[in-house]
Amino acid sequence: MKSAITVSLVEEARGGPFVFWHDLPGACARARAVGFDAIELFPPGADAVKPSELRRLLDNHGLKLAAVGTGAGWVKHKLNLTLPDTAQRQAAKSFIRSIIDFAGAFGAPAIIGSMQGRTSPAVDRAAAQDHLREALNELGEYAGQYNVPLIYEPLNRYETDMANTVEAGAAILDSLSTRNVVILADLFHMNIEEADIAGALERGGQRIGHVHFVDSNRRPAGCGHLDYLPIIAALRRIGYTGYLSAEAFPHPNPNEAADLTMKAYRRWTAAEKV
């Protein structure tokens, strides 16, 4: 399992659960100094960072790009995949395709989290899930040209009613015609929704394609009450070799949050294999 840390460039998301903010060169330097393998980037749009500049930063610091988030499509542009208006849904898909293109050039996948949307008075659950499945099919296939999957993230009940658990996310994936969509297992959301986090990961199995490594209170791993030993053991049992990515509040500050995450990552990935 590899380590990654989040970097947000989205002003409208300021105060959210990202360790580093706005200073991409500084974040890359700090990530490498602490020992991370990669960064996970949340840009305001696909044109926010010149690919040549990002390539230079990654290469200079020996980093990879783990994934790129699409959340700015919602927090900045108020677009999602289950809106009642067809033109707005198409705009949401266009935004996500642009992120897929940007990330794909680096061999990285795009993440659909908040852009999945939810039901509303104008869109009932059945229609919303139909819209979501249609988009995941289309965008999953689109991502395939870069030989990367599309990542779909179940969120807690306060953020969506599309899928709140790994099981619900897996049911959506199993209903798709594409097989190029995987699940992001976010330990913060799982702490709210899952009765047994390790068991949910095992049942997710090969569908698990990305993990947000964070604690119960969305602070860095080790700053809440999660027990990581069974979580890491479950990930080993399903053969997970992807990223453990710190999507966490910068508590008590970004540099210390990075240090705390790396300390927890090293402790638990070095623990006795179960």
Protein backbone atom coordinates (compact mmCIF):
# COMPACT_ATOMS: atom_id res chain seq x y z
CA MET A 1 0.00 0.00 0.00
CA LYS A 2 1.22 3.45 -0.94
CA SER A 3 0.84 6.80 0.82
CA ALA A 4 -0.72 10.00 -0.52
CA ILE A 5 -1.74 13.37 0.87
CA THR A 6 -4.37 15.84 -0.31
CA VAL A 7 -3.79 19.29 -1.80
CA SER A 8 -6.76 21.60 -2.46
CA LEU A 9 -6.62 24.59 -4.79
CA VAL A 10 -10.36 25.33 -4.49
CA GLU A 11 -11.02 28.60 -2.67
CA GLU A 12 -14.72 27.77 -2.27
CA ALA A 13 -13.77 24.63 -0.32
CA ARG A 14 -11.52 26.45 2.15
CA GLY A 15 -11.86 24.91 5.59
CA GLY A 16 -12.64 21.47 4.18
CA PRO A 17 -10.81 18.19 4.85
CA PHE A 18 -7.61 18.73 2.88
CA VAL A 19 -4.17 18.78 4.46
CA PHE A 20 -2.47 21.27 2.15
CA TRP A 21 -4.03 24.36 0.61
CA HIS A 22 -3.25 26.49 -2.44
CA ASP A 23 0.57 26.32 -2.36
CA LEU A 24 1.14 23.42 -4.74
CA PRO A 25 4.96 23.78 -4.94
CA GLY A 26 5.21 24.00 -1.16
CA ALA A 27 2.84 21.06 -0.70
CA CYS A 28 4.90 18.88 -3.05
CA ALA A 29 8.12 19.78 -1.26
CA ARG A 30 6.61 19.03 2.14
CA ALA A 31 4.98 15.79 0.97
CA ARG A 32 8.32 14.50 -0.28
CA ALA A 33 10.17 15.65 2.85
CA VAL A 34 7.75 13.73 5.07
CA GLY A 35 7.99 10.64 2.88
CA PHE A 36 4.71 10.47 0.95
CA ASP A 37 4.59 8.61 -2.34
CA ALA A 38 2.01 10.84 -4.02
CA ILE A 39 -0.35 13.77 -3.82
CA GLU A 40 -4.11 13.74 -4.39
CA LEU A 41 -5.11 16.99 -6.08
CA PHE A 42 -8.38 18.94 -5.87
CA PRO A 43 -8.27 21.71 -8.50
CA PRO A 44 -10.99 24.28 -9.30
CA GLY A 45 -10.90 23.06 -12.90
CA ALA A 46 -8.81 21.14 -15.38
CA ASP A 47 -7.06 24.33 -16.49
CA ALA A 48 -6.05 25.45 -12.99
CA VAL A 49 -2.60 23.86 -13.18
CA LYS A 50 -0.44 23.62 -16.28
CA PRO A 51 0.33 19.94 -16.89
CA SER A 52 3.97 20.82 -17.62
CA GLU A 53 4.27 22.59 -14.25
CA LEU A 54 2.66 19.71 -12.37
CA ARG A 55 4.92 17.24 -14.17
CA ARG A 56 7.95 19.27 -13.19
CA LEU A 57 6.90 19.41 -9.53
CA LEU A 58 6.12 15.70 -9.35
CA ASP A 59 9.34 14.68 -11.07
CA ASN A 60 11.51 17.05 -9.02
CA HIS A 61 10.12 15.64 -5.77
CA GLY A 62 9.84 12.01 -6.81
CA LEU A 63 6.06 12.01 -6.39
CA LYS A 64 3.16 10.44 -8.26
CA LEU A 65 -0.33 11.81 -8.80
CA ALA A 66 -2.62 9.45 -6.89
CA ALA A 67 -5.97 10.86 -8.04
CA VAL A 68 -7.74 14.10 -8.93
CA GLY A 69 -10.99 15.17 -7.30
CA THR A 70 -13.96 16.62 -9.17
CA GLY A 71 -15.63 18.23 -6.14
CA ALA A 72 -15.13 21.76 -7.45
CA GLY A 73 -17.79 20.97 -10.01
CA TRP A 74 -20.26 21.06 -7.14
CA VAL A 75 -18.81 23.51 -4.61
CA LYS A 76 -17.71 26.06 -7.23
CA HIS A 77 -20.05 25.54 -10.19
CA LYS A 78 -23.09 23.89 -8.48
CA LEU A 79 -23.14 21.02 -10.94
CA ASN A 80 -23.85 17.38 -10.20
CA LEU A 81 -24.94 14.26 -12.02
CA THR A 82 -28.49 14.02 -10.66
CA LEU A 83 -29.81 17.53 -11.28
CA PRO A 84 -33.25 17.72 -12.92
CA ASP A 85 -32.06 19.80 -15.86
CA THR A 86 -30.54 17.78 -18.71
CA ALA A 87 -28.21 20.59 -19.79
CA GLN A 88 -26.84 20.91 -16.25
CA ARG A 89 -26.22 17.17 -16.05
CA GLN A 90 -24.40 17.34 -19.37
CA ALA A 91 -22.32 20.24 -18.05
CA ALA A 92 -21.48 18.16 -14.98
CA LYS A 93 -20.31 15.30 -17.19
CA SER A 94 -18.26 17.67 -19.31
CA PHE A 95 -16.55 19.01 -16.20
CA ILE A 96 -15.74 15.48 -15.05
CA ARG A 97 -14.47 14.50 -18.50
CA SER A 98 -12.08 17.46 -18.39
CA ILE A 99 -10.72 16.24 -15.05
CA ILE A 100 -10.41 12.70 -16.43
CA ASP A 101 -8.36 14.10 -19.33
CA PHE A 102 -6.14 16.11 -16.99
CA ALA A 103 -5.57 13.24 -14.56
CA GLY A 104 -5.29 10.57 -17.23
CA ALA A 105 -2.21 12.22 -18.72
CA PHE A 106 -0.49 11.37 -15.42
CA GLY A 107 -1.88 7.86 -15.20
CA ALA A 108 -4.19 8.97 -12.39
CA PRO A 109 -7.95 8.43 -11.96
CA ALA A 110 -10.64 11.02 -11.28
CA ILE A 111 -12.88 10.83 -8.21
CA ILE A 112 -16.65 11.35 -8.19
CA GLY A 113 -17.82 12.19 -4.67
CA SER A 114 -19.98 15.24 -4.09
CA MET A 115 -20.73 15.51 -7.81
CA GLN A 116 -22.90 12.39 -7.61
CA GLY A 117 -25.70 14.58 -6.22
CA ARG A 118 -28.81 13.39 -4.40
CA THR A 119 -32.57 13.26 -4.65
CA SER A 120 -34.62 16.45 -4.62
CA PRO A 121 -38.27 17.49 -4.91
CA ALA A 122 -37.74 17.54 -8.68
CA VAL A 123 -35.87 14.21 -8.94
CA ASP A 124 -36.99 11.13 -7.02
CA ARG A 125 -34.62 8.38 -5.94
CA ALA A 126 -35.24 6.09 -8.89
CA ALA A 127 -34.66 8.87 -11.40
CA ALA A 128 -31.58 10.14 -9.57
CA GLN A 129 -30.02 6.70 -9.50
CA ASP A 130 -30.80 6.25 -13.19
CA HIS A 131 -29.03 9.54 -13.93
CA LEU A 132 -26.08 8.47 -11.80
CA ARG A 133 -25.77 5.05 -13.43
CA GLU A 134 -25.96 6.58 -16.89
CA ALA A 135 -23.15 9.00 -16.02
CA LEU A 136 -20.95 6.36 -14.37
CA ASN A 137 -21.31 4.11 -17.41
CA GLU A 138 -20.39 6.91 -19.79
CA LEU A 139 -17.57 8.36 -17.71
CA GLY A 140 -16.15 4.98 -16.70
CA GLU A 141 -15.80 4.05 -20.34
CA TYR A 142 -14.31 7.45 -21.11
CA ALA A 143 -11.63 6.95 -18.43
CA GLY A 144 -10.66 3.65 -20.00
CA GLN A 145 -8.77 5.38 -22.82
CA TYR A 146 -6.14 6.33 -20.21
CA ASN A 147 -6.00 2.81 -18.74
CA VAL A 148 -7.27 4.10 -15.41
CA PRO A 149 -10.58 3.49 -13.64
CA LEU A 150 -13.14 6.04 -12.59
CA ILE A 151 -13.43 6.25 -8.80
CA TYR A 152 -16.87 6.45 -7.18
CA GLU A 153 -17.14 7.43 -3.51
CA PRO A 154 -20.04 6.47 -1.25
CA LEU A 155 -20.65 9.34 1.18
CA ASN A 156 -22.40 9.56 4.52
CA ARG A 157 -26.16 10.16 4.74
CA TYR A 158 -25.74 13.90 5.36
CA GLU A 159 -24.02 14.39 2.00
CA THR A 160 -25.90 12.08 -0.37
CA ASP A 161 -28.63 9.46 -0.50
CA MET A 162 -27.24 7.68 -3.55
CA ALA A 163 -24.88 5.30 -1.72
CA ASN A 164 -23.84 5.56 1.91
CA THR A 165 -22.04 2.24 2.38
CA VAL A 166 -19.56 0.12 0.48
CA GLU A 167 -22.32 -2.44 -0.06
CA ALA A 168 -24.61 0.19 -1.60
CA GLY A 169 -21.76 1.47 -3.75
CA ALA A 170 -20.98 -2.06 -4.88
CA ALA A 171 -24.63 -2.57 -5.83
CA ILE A 172 -24.46 0.48 -8.08
CA LEU A 173 -21.22 -0.75 -9.66
CA ASP A 174 -22.70 -4.20 -10.21
CA SER A 175 -25.64 -2.64 -12.07
CA LEU A 176 -23.37 -0.88 -14.58
CA SER A 177 -22.48 -2.10 -18.04
CA THR A 178 -18.92 -0.79 -17.65
CA ARG A 179 -16.43 -2.56 -15.39
CA ASN A 180 -14.13 0.44 -15.22
CA VAL A 181 -15.54 2.03 -12.05
CA VAL A 182 -14.12 1.29 -8.59
CA ILE A 183 -15.05 2.33 -5.06
CA LEU A 184 -13.32 4.88 -2.88
CA ALA A 185 -13.53 3.65 0.71
CA ASP A 186 -13.34 6.76 2.90
CA LEU A 187 -12.79 5.77 6.52
CA PHE A 188 -14.52 8.92 7.82
CA HIS A 189 -17.75 8.17 5.95
CA MET A 190 -17.44 4.48 6.81
CA ASN A 191 -17.13 5.31 10.52
CA ILE A 192 -20.57 6.95 10.31
CA GLU A 193 -22.32 4.38 8.14
CA GLU A 194 -20.68 0.96 8.55
CA ALA A 195 -21.31 -1.38 11.47
CA ASP A 196 -17.98 -3.11 10.74
CA ILE A 197 -15.44 -1.18 8.69
CA ALA A 198 -13.07 -4.10 8.18
CA GLY A 199 -15.93 -6.40 7.21
CA ALA A 200 -17.26 -3.85 4.72
CA LEU A 201 -13.82 -3.59 3.11
CA GLU A 202 -13.60 -7.35 2.79
CA ARG A 203 -17.04 -7.56 1.22
CA GLY A 204 -16.05 -4.77 -1.16
CA GLY A 205 -13.10 -6.89 -2.23
CA GLN A 206 -11.65 -6.11 -5.62
CA ARG A 207 -14.10 -3.27 -6.10
CA ILE A 208 -12.06 -1.17 -3.63
CA GLY A 209 -9.81 1.04 -5.73
CA HIS A 210 -8.83 3.91 -3.44
CA VAL A 211 -8.84 4.58 0.32
CA HIS A 212 -9.08 7.84 2.23
CA PHE A 213 -6.89 7.28 5.29
CA VAL A 214 -8.44 9.50 7.95
CA ASP A 215 -9.77 9.18 11.48
CA SER A 216 -13.29 9.08 12.89
CA ASN A 217 -13.41 12.87 13.39
CA ARG A 218 -11.88 13.62 9.97
CA ARG A 219 -8.64 14.60 11.62
CA PRO A 220 -5.40 12.85 10.63
CA ALA A 221 -5.15 9.14 11.33
CA GLY A 222 -4.37 8.62 15.00
CA CYS A 223 -6.31 11.71 16.15
CA GLY A 224 -9.64 9.94 16.66
CA HIS A 225 -10.86 6.54 17.79
CA LEU A 226 -10.50 4.25 14.75
CA ASP A 227 -8.66 0.97 15.23
CA TYR A 228 -6.47 0.63 12.14
CA LEU A 229 -5.11 -2.86 12.76
CA PRO A 230 -8.23 -4.71 11.52
CA ILE A 231 -8.68 -2.15 8.72
CA ILE A 232 -5.18 -2.69 7.35
CA ALA A 233 -5.55 -6.45 7.85
CA ALA A 234 -8.77 -6.42 5.80
CA LEU A 235 -7.11 -4.44 3.03
CA ARG A 236 -4.30 -6.99 2.94
CA ARG A 237 -6.77 -9.85 2.73
CA ILE A 238 -8.42 -8.34 -0.36
CA GLY A 239 -5.02 -7.76 -1.94
CA TYR A 240 -5.28 -3.97 -1.89
CA THR A 241 -2.11 -2.29 -3.18
CA GLY A 242 -3.44 1.18 -3.91
CA TYR A 243 -3.12 4.45 -2.03
CA LEU A 244 -3.94 5.30 1.55
CA SER A 245 -4.60 8.98 0.98
CA ALA A 246 -4.95 11.56 3.75
CA GLU A 247 -8.15 13.48 3.08
CA ALA A 248 -8.14 15.07 6.52
CA PHE A 249 -8.49 18.42 8.22
CA PRO A 250 -5.10 20.15 8.60
CA HIS A 251 -5.11 19.55 12.36
CA PRO A 252 -3.43 21.15 14.21
CA ASN A 253 -1.78 22.64 11.11
CA PRO A 254 -0.84 21.28 7.68
CA ASN A 255 2.74 20.32 8.49
CA GLU A 256 1.84 18.52 11.71
CA ALA A 257 -1.12 16.85 10.02
CA ALA A 258 1.25 15.48 7.38
CA ASP A 259 3.65 14.25 10.08
CA LEU A 260 0.86 12.62 12.10
CA THR A 261 -0.52 10.87 9.01
CA MET A 262 2.86 9.50 8.00
CA LYS A 263 3.52 8.30 11.55
CA ALA A 264 0.20 6.42 11.53
CA TYR A 265 0.74 5.10 8.00
CA ARG A 266 4.16 3.70 8.91
CA ARG A 267 2.94 2.25 12.16
CA TRP A 268 -0.03 0.40 10.78
CA THR A 269 1.39 -0.75 7.45
CA ALA A 270 4.41 -2.10 9.33
CA ALA A 271 2.21 -3.91 11.87
CA GLU A 272 2.21 -7.68 11.92
CA LYS A 273 0.44 -9.02 8.87
CA VAL A 274 -2.80 -10.75 9.79
